[in-house]
Amino acid sequence: MESSGPSRDTAWAMSEETIGAFQRGTAAYNRGDWEAAFATMDPNVEFDLTSVAPDGKTYRGYEGVQQFWLMLRDVFGELQIDVEEIIDGGDTLVTRMRLRSTGRASGAMTEDVLYQNLTIRQGKAVRAQFFRDRAEALEAAGLSE
């Protein structure tokens, strides 16, 4: 996993907290511990999938995120997230994630890559916005190549 970011100053200390919260949440999701994953999120968290999902929805709060995860499980079975890159933007991270699953109905192996802009405040995720394109994700986060 590649990580890049600012020099070690006050912003970096916040970024270490941000990266830690993201990694804890992803690990909890991968092991099926949704309660621990929710513990890394603000109760009013938003998952914005308008750029990547056919329904173009934004899921809000724990209930919305759980609805989204249940929909994913219905379609893809168990979904594993492998983080391949973290770009440090202070309290916002841009991550490249490889999603791997076995289709529940078909049994077919699937793999996809998504980029996520994750905003964290006070150690909790408050917004996750998903993209298919790296440059688009960076631009939305106010970062550049």
N, C-alpha and C. Protein backbone atom coordinates (compact mmCIF):
# COMPACT_ATOMS: atom_id res chain seq x y z
N MET A 1 0.85 -1.17 0.00
CA MET A 1 0.00 0.00 0.00
C MET A 1 0.89 1.22 0.00
N GLU A 2 0.56 2.16 -0.84
CA GLU A 2 1.33 3.37 -0.98
C GLU A 2 0.64 4.48 -0.21
N SER A 3 1.41 5.30 0.46
CA SER A 3 0.86 6.44 1.18
C SER A 3 1.72 7.65 0.91
N SER A 4 1.08 8.77 0.65
CA SER A 4 1.82 9.99 0.43
C SER A 4 1.12 11.11 1.17
N GLY A 5 1.83 12.20 1.42
CA GLY A 5 1.17 13.28 2.11
C GLY A 5 2.12 14.38 2.52
N PRO A 6 1.64 15.28 3.37
CA PRO A 6 2.42 16.43 3.77
C PRO A 6 3.56 16.04 4.71
N SER A 7 4.44 17.01 4.95
CA SER A 7 5.53 16.76 5.90
C SER A 7 4.95 16.58 7.29
N ARG A 8 5.75 16.04 8.20
CA ARG A 8 5.28 15.77 9.56
C ARG A 8 5.12 17.08 10.33
N ASP A 9 3.90 17.56 10.37
CA ASP A 9 3.56 18.74 11.15
C ASP A 9 2.20 18.50 11.77
N THR A 10 1.51 19.55 12.16
CA THR A 10 0.21 19.39 12.79
C THR A 10 -0.76 18.66 11.87
N ALA A 11 -0.75 18.98 10.58
CA ALA A 11 -1.65 18.31 9.63
C ALA A 11 -1.36 16.81 9.59
N TRP A 12 -0.08 16.45 9.69
CA TRP A 12 0.27 15.04 9.63
C TRP A 12 -0.29 14.28 10.82
N ALA A 13 -0.25 14.88 12.02
CA ALA A 13 -0.80 14.23 13.20
C ALA A 13 -2.28 13.94 13.00
N MET A 14 -3.02 14.87 12.42
CA MET A 14 -4.43 14.65 12.13
C MET A 14 -4.56 13.54 11.09
N SER A 15 -3.66 13.53 10.12
CA SER A 15 -3.73 12.51 9.07
C SER A 15 -3.48 11.12 9.62
N GLU A 16 -2.57 10.97 10.57
CA GLU A 16 -2.34 9.66 11.18
C GLU A 16 -3.62 9.15 11.85
N GLU A 17 -4.33 10.05 12.52
CA GLU A 17 -5.61 9.70 13.14
C GLU A 17 -6.63 9.31 12.07
N THR A 18 -6.65 10.08 11.00
CA THR A 18 -7.57 9.84 9.90
C THR A 18 -7.30 8.49 9.25
N ILE A 19 -6.04 8.22 8.96
CA ILE A 19 -5.67 6.95 8.34
C ILE A 19 -6.00 5.78 9.27
N GLY A 20 -5.72 5.94 10.55
CA GLY A 20 -6.03 4.89 11.51
C GLY A 20 -7.51 4.58 11.57
N ALA A 21 -8.36 5.61 11.56
CA ALA A 21 -9.81 5.41 11.59
C ALA A 21 -10.27 4.68 10.33
N PHE A 22 -9.74 5.07 9.19
CA PHE A 22 -10.09 4.40 7.93
C PHE A 22 -9.67 2.93 7.95
N GLN A 23 -8.45 2.66 8.39
CA GLN A 23 -7.96 1.29 8.41
C GLN A 23 -8.75 0.42 9.39
N ARG A 24 -9.10 0.96 10.55
CA ARG A 24 -9.92 0.21 11.52
C ARG A 24 -11.30 -0.11 10.94
N GLY A 25 -11.91 0.87 10.29
CA GLY A 25 -13.24 0.66 9.70
C GLY A 25 -13.21 -0.37 8.58
N THR A 26 -12.20 -0.30 7.73
CA THR A 26 -12.08 -1.25 6.61
C THR A 26 -11.84 -2.66 7.14
N ALA A 27 -10.95 -2.80 8.11
CA ALA A 27 -10.67 -4.12 8.69
C ALA A 27 -11.93 -4.71 9.33
N ALA A 28 -12.68 -3.88 10.04
CA ALA A 28 -13.92 -4.35 10.69
C ALA A 28 -14.92 -4.79 9.64
N TYR A 29 -15.08 -4.02 8.57
CA TYR A 29 -16.00 -4.41 7.49
C TYR A 29 -15.58 -5.76 6.90
N ASN A 30 -14.30 -5.91 6.60
CA ASN A 30 -13.81 -7.14 5.97
C ASN A 30 -14.04 -8.37 6.84
N ARG A 31 -14.00 -8.23 8.15
CA ARG A 31 -14.23 -9.40 9.00
C ARG A 31 -15.70 -9.56 9.37
N GLY A 32 -16.57 -8.70 8.81
CA GLY A 32 -18.01 -8.81 9.04
C GLY A 32 -18.47 -8.22 10.35
N ASP A 33 -17.64 -7.41 10.98
CA ASP A 33 -17.99 -6.78 12.25
C ASP A 33 -18.53 -5.38 11.99
N TRP A 34 -19.79 -5.32 11.59
CA TRP A 34 -20.38 -4.04 11.23
C TRP A 34 -20.47 -3.10 12.41
N GLU A 35 -20.67 -3.63 13.60
CA GLU A 35 -20.73 -2.77 14.80
C GLU A 35 -19.42 -2.03 14.98
N ALA A 36 -18.30 -2.73 14.83
CA ALA A 36 -16.99 -2.08 14.96
C ALA A 36 -16.75 -1.10 13.81
N ALA A 37 -17.24 -1.43 12.61
CA ALA A 37 -17.11 -0.51 11.48
C ALA A 37 -17.90 0.76 11.75
N PHE A 38 -19.12 0.62 12.26
CA PHE A 38 -19.93 1.80 12.58
C PHE A 38 -19.29 2.64 13.67
N ALA A 39 -18.54 2.02 14.57
CA ALA A 39 -17.87 2.76 15.64
C ALA A 39 -16.84 3.75 15.09
N THR A 40 -16.40 3.56 13.85
CA THR A 40 -15.44 4.48 13.22
C THR A 40 -16.14 5.57 12.42
N MET A 41 -17.49 5.59 12.47
CA MET A 41 -18.27 6.55 11.68
C MET A 41 -19.12 7.43 12.59
N ASP A 42 -19.34 8.65 12.14
CA ASP A 42 -20.28 9.54 12.79
C ASP A 42 -21.70 8.99 12.57
N PRO A 43 -22.60 9.12 13.54
CA PRO A 43 -23.97 8.60 13.36
C PRO A 43 -24.69 9.19 12.14
N ASN A 44 -24.25 10.37 11.67
CA ASN A 44 -24.87 11.00 10.50
C ASN A 44 -24.01 10.86 9.24
N VAL A 45 -23.16 9.85 9.20
CA VAL A 45 -22.27 9.63 8.07
C VAL A 45 -23.06 9.57 6.75
N GLU A 46 -22.42 10.00 5.68
CA GLU A 46 -23.01 9.92 4.35
C GLU A 46 -22.10 9.10 3.45
N PHE A 47 -22.69 8.16 2.71
CA PHE A 47 -22.01 7.41 1.66
C PHE A 47 -22.60 7.89 0.35
N ASP A 48 -21.84 8.67 -0.40
CA ASP A 48 -22.30 9.25 -1.65
C ASP A 48 -21.83 8.40 -2.82
N LEU A 49 -22.76 7.69 -3.43
CA LEU A 49 -22.46 6.83 -4.56
C LEU A 49 -23.01 7.38 -5.87
N THR A 50 -23.31 8.66 -5.91
CA THR A 50 -23.93 9.25 -7.10
C THR A 50 -23.04 9.13 -8.34
N SER A 51 -21.73 9.02 -8.16
CA SER A 51 -20.82 8.92 -9.31
C SER A 51 -20.56 7.50 -9.77
N VAL A 52 -20.96 6.50 -8.97
CA VAL A 52 -20.58 5.13 -9.32
C VAL A 52 -21.72 4.12 -9.39
N ALA A 53 -22.86 4.42 -8.77
CA ALA A 53 -23.92 3.42 -8.69
C ALA A 53 -25.06 3.78 -9.63
N PRO A 54 -25.67 2.77 -10.22
CA PRO A 54 -26.78 3.02 -11.14
C PRO A 54 -27.93 3.80 -10.50
N ASP A 55 -28.18 3.56 -9.22
CA ASP A 55 -29.30 4.27 -8.58
C ASP A 55 -28.92 5.68 -8.14
N GLY A 56 -27.62 6.00 -8.18
CA GLY A 56 -27.16 7.34 -7.86
C GLY A 56 -27.56 7.84 -6.49
N LYS A 57 -27.56 6.98 -5.50
CA LYS A 57 -28.04 7.33 -4.17
C LYS A 57 -26.92 7.81 -3.25
N THR A 58 -27.36 8.56 -2.25
CA THR A 58 -26.52 8.86 -1.11
C THR A 58 -27.19 8.22 0.09
N TYR A 59 -26.45 7.38 0.80
CA TYR A 59 -26.97 6.68 1.97
C TYR A 59 -26.55 7.46 3.21
N ARG A 60 -27.50 7.68 4.13
CA ARG A 60 -27.23 8.53 5.29
C ARG A 60 -27.43 7.78 6.60
N GLY A 61 -26.50 8.04 7.52
CA GLY A 61 -26.59 7.46 8.86
C GLY A 61 -26.28 5.98 8.86
N TYR A 62 -26.18 5.42 10.07
CA TYR A 62 -25.89 4.00 10.20
C TYR A 62 -26.93 3.15 9.46
N GLU A 63 -28.19 3.54 9.57
CA GLU A 63 -29.25 2.77 8.92
C GLU A 63 -29.09 2.77 7.40
N GLY A 64 -28.75 3.91 6.84
CA GLY A 64 -28.53 3.99 5.40
C GLY A 64 -27.34 3.18 4.94
N VAL A 65 -26.24 3.28 5.69
CA VAL A 65 -25.04 2.52 5.34
C VAL A 65 -25.31 1.03 5.46
N GLN A 66 -26.04 0.63 6.49
CA GLN A 66 -26.38 -0.79 6.64
C GLN A 66 -27.25 -1.25 5.46
N GLN A 67 -28.19 -0.43 5.04
CA GLN A 67 -29.02 -0.76 3.88
C GLN A 67 -28.14 -0.97 2.65
N PHE A 68 -27.17 -0.09 2.45
CA PHE A 68 -26.25 -0.21 1.33
C PHE A 68 -25.43 -1.50 1.43
N TRP A 69 -24.89 -1.80 2.61
CA TRP A 69 -24.08 -3.01 2.78
C TRP A 69 -24.92 -4.27 2.58
N LEU A 70 -26.16 -4.27 3.04
CA LEU A 70 -27.03 -5.43 2.83
C LEU A 70 -27.31 -5.63 1.35
N MET A 71 -27.52 -4.54 0.61
CA MET A 71 -27.73 -4.63 -0.82
C MET A 71 -26.49 -5.21 -1.50
N LEU A 72 -25.30 -4.76 -1.08
CA LEU A 72 -24.06 -5.31 -1.65
C LEU A 72 -23.96 -6.80 -1.38
N ARG A 73 -24.28 -7.21 -0.15
CA ARG A 73 -24.20 -8.63 0.21
C ARG A 73 -25.18 -9.45 -0.62
N ASP A 74 -26.38 -8.92 -0.85
CA ASP A 74 -27.37 -9.64 -1.66
C ASP A 74 -26.87 -9.86 -3.08
N VAL A 75 -26.17 -8.88 -3.62
CA VAL A 75 -25.69 -8.98 -5.01
C VAL A 75 -24.37 -9.73 -5.09
N PHE A 76 -23.43 -9.38 -4.23
CA PHE A 76 -22.06 -9.87 -4.37
C PHE A 76 -21.64 -10.93 -3.36
N GLY A 77 -22.48 -11.27 -2.43
CA GLY A 77 -22.05 -12.19 -1.39
C GLY A 77 -21.08 -11.47 -0.48
N GLU A 78 -20.07 -12.17 -0.02
CA GLU A 78 -19.06 -11.54 0.83
C GLU A 78 -18.15 -10.68 -0.03
N LEU A 79 -18.00 -9.45 0.37
CA LEU A 79 -17.18 -8.49 -0.37
C LEU A 79 -15.96 -8.15 0.47
N GLN A 80 -14.77 -8.26 -0.11
CA GLN A 80 -13.53 -7.92 0.57
C GLN A 80 -12.94 -6.67 -0.06
N ILE A 81 -12.45 -5.78 0.78
CA ILE A 81 -11.85 -4.53 0.32
C ILE A 81 -10.36 -4.59 0.60
N ASP A 82 -9.57 -4.43 -0.46
CA ASP A 82 -8.12 -4.34 -0.33
C ASP A 82 -7.71 -2.91 -0.65
N VAL A 83 -7.11 -2.23 0.30
CA VAL A 83 -6.68 -0.86 0.09
C VAL A 83 -5.33 -0.90 -0.60
N GLU A 84 -5.26 -0.28 -1.77
CA GLU A 84 -4.03 -0.29 -2.55
C GLU A 84 -3.24 1.02 -2.48
N GLU A 85 -3.93 2.09 -2.12
CA GLU A 85 -3.25 3.38 -2.05
C GLU A 85 -4.03 4.30 -1.11
N ILE A 86 -3.30 5.09 -0.35
CA ILE A 86 -3.90 6.13 0.48
C ILE A 86 -3.17 7.43 0.16
N ILE A 87 -3.92 8.41 -0.27
CA ILE A 87 -3.36 9.73 -0.53
C ILE A 87 -3.85 10.64 0.59
N ASP A 88 -2.90 11.17 1.32
CA ASP A 88 -3.17 11.92 2.53
C ASP A 88 -3.47 13.37 2.20
N GLY A 89 -4.68 13.80 2.53
CA GLY A 89 -5.04 15.20 2.34
C GLY A 89 -5.42 15.86 3.65
N GLY A 90 -4.82 15.45 4.75
CA GLY A 90 -5.16 16.02 6.05
C GLY A 90 -6.34 15.31 6.66
N ASP A 91 -7.49 16.00 6.74
CA ASP A 91 -8.68 15.34 7.30
C ASP A 91 -9.50 14.64 6.23
N THR A 92 -9.00 14.64 4.99
CA THR A 92 -9.63 13.91 3.90
C THR A 92 -8.60 12.97 3.29
N LEU A 93 -9.02 11.74 3.05
CA LEU A 93 -8.17 10.77 2.38
C LEU A 93 -8.77 10.44 1.02
N VAL A 94 -7.91 10.23 0.05
CA VAL A 94 -8.34 9.64 -1.22
C VAL A 94 -7.73 8.25 -1.22
N THR A 95 -8.57 7.24 -1.35
CA THR A 95 -8.07 5.87 -1.32
C THR A 95 -8.43 5.14 -2.60
N ARG A 96 -7.53 4.27 -3.01
CA ARG A 96 -7.81 3.35 -4.11
C ARG A 96 -8.09 2.00 -3.46
N MET A 97 -9.28 1.46 -3.76
CA MET A 97 -9.69 0.20 -3.15
C MET A 97 -10.02 -0.82 -4.23
N ARG A 98 -9.51 -2.02 -4.04
CA ARG A 98 -9.86 -3.13 -4.93
C ARG A 98 -10.92 -3.96 -4.19
N LEU A 99 -12.06 -4.12 -4.83
CA LEU A 99 -13.18 -4.87 -4.26
C LEU A 99 -13.22 -6.24 -4.91
N ARG A 100 -13.24 -7.28 -4.08
CA ARG A 100 -13.28 -8.66 -4.57
C ARG A 100 -14.47 -9.38 -3.96
N SER A 101 -15.18 -10.13 -4.82
CA SER A 101 -16.34 -10.86 -4.31
C SER A 101 -16.62 -12.06 -5.19
N THR A 102 -17.51 -12.91 -4.69
CA THR A 102 -18.05 -14.03 -5.45
C THR A 102 -19.54 -13.82 -5.52
N GLY A 103 -20.07 -13.72 -6.73
CA GLY A 103 -21.50 -13.45 -6.90
C GLY A 103 -22.35 -14.46 -6.15
N ARG A 104 -23.31 -13.97 -5.39
CA ARG A 104 -24.17 -14.84 -4.58
C ARG A 104 -24.96 -15.80 -5.47
N ALA A 105 -25.55 -15.32 -6.53
CA ALA A 105 -26.38 -16.17 -7.40
C ALA A 105 -25.54 -16.94 -8.42
N SER A 106 -24.56 -16.24 -9.03
CA SER A 106 -23.81 -16.85 -10.13
C SER A 106 -22.59 -17.64 -9.68
N GLY A 107 -22.02 -17.28 -8.54
CA GLY A 107 -20.77 -17.89 -8.11
C GLY A 107 -19.56 -17.33 -8.84
N ALA A 108 -19.79 -16.37 -9.72
CA ALA A 108 -18.70 -15.78 -10.50
C ALA A 108 -17.86 -14.85 -9.62
N MET A 109 -16.55 -14.94 -9.81
CA MET A 109 -15.63 -14.04 -9.11
C MET A 109 -15.70 -12.67 -9.78
N THR A 110 -15.78 -11.62 -8.98
CA THR A 110 -15.79 -10.27 -9.53
C THR A 110 -14.70 -9.45 -8.83
N GLU A 111 -14.24 -8.46 -9.55
CA GLU A 111 -13.22 -7.57 -9.02
C GLU A 111 -13.46 -6.20 -9.62
N ASP A 112 -13.32 -5.18 -8.81
CA ASP A 112 -13.55 -3.81 -9.26
C ASP A 112 -12.59 -2.90 -8.50
N VAL A 113 -12.34 -1.73 -9.04
CA VAL A 113 -11.51 -0.73 -8.37
C VAL A 113 -12.36 0.53 -8.23
N LEU A 114 -12.36 1.08 -7.02
CA LEU A 114 -13.04 2.34 -6.75
C LEU A 114 -12.08 3.26 -6.00
N TYR A 115 -12.33 4.53 -6.15
CA TYR A 115 -11.63 5.54 -5.37
C TYR A 115 -12.63 6.12 -4.39
N GLN A 116 -12.16 6.42 -3.20
CA GLN A 116 -13.03 6.95 -2.17
C GLN A 116 -12.39 8.20 -1.57
N ASN A 117 -13.17 9.26 -1.49
CA ASN A 117 -12.77 10.42 -0.71
C ASN A 117 -13.45 10.27 0.63
N LEU A 118 -12.66 10.18 1.67
CA LEU A 118 -13.18 9.96 3.01
C LEU A 118 -12.83 11.14 3.89
N THR A 119 -13.85 11.80 4.41
CA THR A 119 -13.66 12.93 5.30
C THR A 119 -13.88 12.45 6.73
N ILE A 120 -12.91 12.76 7.58
CA ILE A 120 -12.97 12.32 8.97
C ILE A 120 -12.84 13.54 9.86
N ARG A 121 -13.72 13.61 10.84
CA ARG A 121 -13.65 14.67 11.84
C ARG A 121 -13.70 14.03 13.22
N GLN A 122 -12.81 14.46 14.07
CA GLN A 122 -12.73 13.95 15.44
C GLN A 122 -12.67 12.42 15.47
N GLY A 123 -11.89 11.85 14.53
CA GLY A 123 -11.65 10.42 14.51
C GLY A 123 -12.78 9.58 13.93
N LYS A 124 -13.82 10.21 13.37
CA LYS A 124 -14.96 9.47 12.83
C LYS A 124 -15.20 9.89 11.37
N ALA A 125 -15.52 8.92 10.54
CA ALA A 125 -15.87 9.21 9.15
C ALA A 125 -17.21 9.94 9.12
N VAL A 126 -17.25 11.08 8.42
CA VAL A 126 -18.49 11.83 8.29
C VAL A 126 -19.03 11.79 6.86
N ARG A 127 -18.16 11.50 5.90
CA ARG A 127 -18.59 11.45 4.50
C ARG A 127 -17.64 10.59 3.70
N ALA A 128 -18.21 9.72 2.90
CA ALA A 128 -17.45 8.92 1.94
C ALA A 128 -18.06 9.16 0.57
N GLN A 129 -17.25 9.62 -0.36
CA GLN A 129 -17.72 9.86 -1.72
C GLN A 129 -16.90 8.96 -2.63
N PHE A 130 -17.57 8.23 -3.51
CA PHE A 130 -16.93 7.21 -4.32
C PHE A 130 -16.84 7.64 -5.78
N PHE A 131 -15.74 7.24 -6.43
CA PHE A 131 -15.46 7.59 -7.82
C PHE A 131 -14.87 6.39 -8.54
N ARG A 132 -15.01 6.37 -9.84
CA ARG A 132 -14.34 5.36 -10.67
C ARG A 132 -13.00 5.87 -11.19
N ASP A 133 -12.84 7.17 -11.26
CA ASP A 133 -11.66 7.78 -11.86
C ASP A 133 -10.79 8.46 -10.81
N ARG A 134 -9.51 8.15 -10.82
CA ARG A 134 -8.56 8.69 -9.83
C ARG A 134 -8.48 10.20 -9.91
N ALA A 135 -8.33 10.74 -11.13
CA ALA A 135 -8.20 12.19 -11.29
C ALA A 135 -9.44 12.92 -10.79
N GLU A 136 -10.61 12.36 -11.04
CA GLU A 136 -11.87 12.94 -10.56
C GLU A 136 -11.92 12.95 -9.03
N ALA A 137 -11.47 11.86 -8.42
CA ALA A 137 -11.45 11.77 -6.95
C ALA A 137 -10.49 12.80 -6.37
N LEU A 138 -9.31 12.93 -6.97
CA LEU A 138 -8.33 13.91 -6.49
C LEU A 138 -8.87 15.33 -6.64
N GLU A 139 -9.45 15.63 -7.78
CA GLU A 139 -10.00 16.96 -8.02
C GLU A 139 -11.10 17.30 -7.00
N ALA A 140 -11.98 16.35 -6.73
CA ALA A 140 -13.06 16.56 -5.77
C ALA A 140 -12.51 16.81 -4.37
N ALA A 141 -11.34 16.28 -4.07
CA ALA A 141 -10.71 16.46 -2.76
C ALA A 141 -9.82 17.71 -2.71
N GLY A 142 -9.74 18.43 -3.84
CA GLY A 142 -8.88 19.62 -3.89
C GLY A 142 -7.42 19.29 -4.01
N LEU A 143 -7.11 18.09 -4.51
CA LEU A 143 -5.74 17.64 -4.70
C LEU A 143 -5.47 17.49 -6.18
N SER A 144 -4.20 17.32 -6.55
CA SER A 144 -3.86 17.09 -7.95
C SER A 144 -2.84 15.97 -8.03
N GLU A 145 -2.64 15.50 -9.26
CA GLU A 145 -1.67 14.41 -9.51
C GLU A 145 -0.28 14.80 -9.06
